[in-house]
Amino acid sequence: MRREDYISDAEVVKRANAAVRLELEKLKALDIPAVICDGKSKKLYYLYSDGSRTEVE
């Protein structure tokens, strides 16, 4: 592949964010808790479709 055929880093980040957003929406629609990481406290949580979250043991 030539360099002109690559997508930019900004486009890669945009697509990755869209993929994560779609996956979280899918889990919410299926009423399956998503596991998320709090960047500040470095703890894992279950995020439920009603917006509540509980810490993973």
N, C-alpha and C. Protein backbone atom coordinates (compact mmCIF):
# COMPACT_ATOMS: atom_id res chain seq x y z
N MET A 1 0.84 -1.19 0.00
CA MET A 1 0.00 0.00 0.00
C MET A 1 0.88 1.24 0.00
N ARG A 2 0.40 2.21 -0.70
CA ARG A 2 1.10 3.49 -0.71
C ARG A 2 0.65 4.33 0.47
N ARG A 3 1.45 5.27 0.84
CA ARG A 3 1.15 6.16 1.97
C ARG A 3 -0.15 6.92 1.74
N GLU A 4 -0.47 7.24 0.51
CA GLU A 4 -1.70 7.97 0.19
C GLU A 4 -2.96 7.12 0.44
N ASP A 5 -2.80 5.80 0.51
CA ASP A 5 -3.93 4.89 0.71
C ASP A 5 -4.31 4.74 2.18
N TYR A 6 -3.46 5.18 3.09
CA TYR A 6 -3.72 5.07 4.52
C TYR A 6 -4.72 6.12 4.97
N ILE A 7 -5.41 5.82 6.06
CA ILE A 7 -6.27 6.83 6.65
C ILE A 7 -5.48 7.54 7.75
N SER A 8 -5.89 8.74 8.07
CA SER A 8 -5.15 9.53 9.06
C SER A 8 -5.38 8.98 10.47
N ASP A 9 -4.50 9.38 11.38
CA ASP A 9 -4.63 8.98 12.78
C ASP A 9 -5.94 9.50 13.37
N ALA A 10 -6.32 10.70 12.99
CA ALA A 10 -7.57 11.27 13.49
C ALA A 10 -8.76 10.44 13.04
N GLU A 11 -8.72 9.93 11.83
CA GLU A 11 -9.81 9.09 11.32
C GLU A 11 -9.84 7.75 12.05
N VAL A 12 -8.69 7.20 12.39
CA VAL A 12 -8.63 5.95 13.15
C VAL A 12 -9.26 6.14 14.52
N VAL A 13 -8.93 7.24 15.19
CA VAL A 13 -9.49 7.53 16.51
C VAL A 13 -11.00 7.74 16.41
N LYS A 14 -11.44 8.45 15.39
CA LYS A 14 -12.88 8.69 15.18
C LYS A 14 -13.62 7.37 14.98
N ARG A 15 -13.07 6.47 14.20
CA ARG A 15 -13.72 5.19 13.95
C ARG A 15 -13.71 4.30 15.20
N ALA A 16 -12.63 4.33 15.96
CA ALA A 16 -12.56 3.54 17.19
C ALA A 16 -13.59 4.03 18.20
N ASN A 17 -13.71 5.34 18.36
CA ASN A 17 -14.70 5.90 19.28
C ASN A 17 -16.12 5.53 18.84
N ALA A 18 -16.38 5.56 17.55
CA ALA A 18 -17.70 5.19 17.04
C ALA A 18 -17.99 3.71 17.31
N ALA A 19 -16.99 2.86 17.16
CA ALA A 19 -17.18 1.43 17.41
C ALA A 19 -17.49 1.17 18.87
N VAL A 20 -16.80 1.86 19.78
CA VAL A 20 -17.06 1.69 21.21
C VAL A 20 -18.46 2.19 21.56
N ARG A 21 -18.83 3.36 21.02
CA ARG A 21 -20.15 3.92 21.29
C ARG A 21 -21.26 2.97 20.81
N LEU A 22 -21.09 2.40 19.62
CA LEU A 22 -22.09 1.46 19.09
C LEU A 22 -22.18 0.20 19.95
N GLU A 23 -21.05 -0.31 20.41
CA GLU A 23 -21.06 -1.51 21.25
C GLU A 23 -21.76 -1.24 22.57
N LEU A 24 -21.51 -0.07 23.18
CA LEU A 24 -22.19 0.27 24.43
C LEU A 24 -23.70 0.43 24.22
N GLU A 25 -24.10 1.00 23.09
CA GLU A 25 -25.53 1.13 22.78
C GLU A 25 -26.17 -0.24 22.59
N LYS A 26 -25.44 -1.16 21.95
CA LYS A 26 -25.95 -2.51 21.75
C LYS A 26 -26.15 -3.23 23.08
N LEU A 27 -25.16 -3.13 23.97
CA LEU A 27 -25.28 -3.76 25.28
C LEU A 27 -26.44 -3.16 26.07
N LYS A 28 -26.62 -1.86 25.95
CA LYS A 28 -27.73 -1.21 26.65
C LYS A 28 -29.07 -1.71 26.12
N ALA A 29 -29.20 -1.85 24.80
CA ALA A 29 -30.44 -2.33 24.19
C ALA A 29 -30.73 -3.78 24.58
N LEU A 30 -29.69 -4.59 24.76
CA LEU A 30 -29.86 -5.98 25.14
C LEU A 30 -29.97 -6.17 26.64
N ASP A 31 -29.88 -5.07 27.40
CA ASP A 31 -29.95 -5.08 28.85
C ASP A 31 -28.85 -5.95 29.47
N ILE A 32 -27.65 -5.82 28.91
CA ILE A 32 -26.47 -6.52 29.40
C ILE A 32 -25.54 -5.48 30.00
N PRO A 33 -25.05 -5.70 31.23
CA PRO A 33 -24.15 -4.70 31.81
C PRO A 33 -22.81 -4.67 31.08
N ALA A 34 -22.30 -3.46 30.86
CA ALA A 34 -20.99 -3.29 30.25
C ALA A 34 -19.97 -3.12 31.36
N VAL A 35 -18.77 -3.59 31.14
CA VAL A 35 -17.70 -3.40 32.11
C VAL A 35 -16.87 -2.21 31.64
N ILE A 36 -16.76 -1.20 32.51
CA ILE A 36 -16.00 -0.01 32.17
C ILE A 36 -14.93 0.23 33.22
N CYS A 37 -13.91 0.97 32.84
CA CYS A 37 -12.81 1.30 33.75
C CYS A 37 -12.85 2.79 34.03
N ASP A 38 -12.83 3.15 35.29
CA ASP A 38 -12.75 4.55 35.69
C ASP A 38 -11.28 4.95 35.61
N GLY A 39 -10.97 5.90 34.73
CA GLY A 39 -9.59 6.29 34.51
C GLY A 39 -8.92 6.91 35.71
N LYS A 40 -9.69 7.59 36.54
CA LYS A 40 -9.09 8.26 37.70
C LYS A 40 -8.81 7.30 38.84
N SER A 41 -9.81 6.49 39.20
CA SER A 41 -9.65 5.59 40.35
C SER A 41 -9.06 4.23 39.96
N LYS A 42 -8.99 3.94 38.66
CA LYS A 42 -8.45 2.67 38.15
C LYS A 42 -9.24 1.47 38.65
N LYS A 43 -10.56 1.65 38.82
CA LYS A 43 -11.43 0.56 39.26
C LYS A 43 -12.36 0.17 38.12
N LEU A 44 -12.79 -1.09 38.13
CA LEU A 44 -13.72 -1.60 37.13
C LEU A 44 -15.14 -1.55 37.68
N TYR A 45 -16.08 -1.24 36.80
CA TYR A 45 -17.49 -1.14 37.18
C TYR A 45 -18.36 -1.83 36.14
N TYR A 46 -19.49 -2.38 36.62
CA TYR A 46 -20.55 -2.81 35.72
C TYR A 46 -21.45 -1.61 35.50
N LEU A 47 -21.69 -1.24 34.25
CA LEU A 47 -22.58 -0.14 33.91
C LEU A 47 -23.87 -0.75 33.36
N TYR A 48 -24.98 -0.55 34.07
CA TYR A 48 -26.26 -1.13 33.69
C TYR A 48 -27.04 -0.19 32.78
N SER A 49 -28.02 -0.72 32.07
CA SER A 49 -28.78 0.05 31.11
C SER A 49 -29.58 1.20 31.74
N ASP A 50 -29.86 1.12 33.04
CA ASP A 50 -30.58 2.20 33.71
C ASP A 50 -29.64 3.32 34.18
N GLY A 51 -28.34 3.18 33.92
CA GLY A 51 -27.37 4.20 34.29
C GLY A 51 -26.66 3.94 35.60
N SER A 52 -27.12 2.96 36.38
CA SER A 52 -26.46 2.66 37.64
C SER A 52 -25.19 1.87 37.38
N ARG A 53 -24.29 1.90 38.34
CA ARG A 53 -23.07 1.12 38.20
C ARG A 53 -22.65 0.56 39.55
N THR A 54 -22.06 -0.62 39.51
CA THR A 54 -21.56 -1.26 40.71
C THR A 54 -20.11 -1.68 40.46
N GLU A 55 -19.32 -1.63 41.52
CA GLU A 55 -17.91 -1.97 41.39
C GLU A 55 -17.74 -3.48 41.25
N VAL A 56 -16.82 -3.86 40.38
CA VAL A 56 -16.51 -5.28 40.18
C VAL A 56 -15.62 -5.72 41.33
N GLU A 57 -15.95 -6.84 41.93
CA GLU A 57 -15.15 -7.37 43.06
C GLU A 57 -13.86 -7.96 42.58
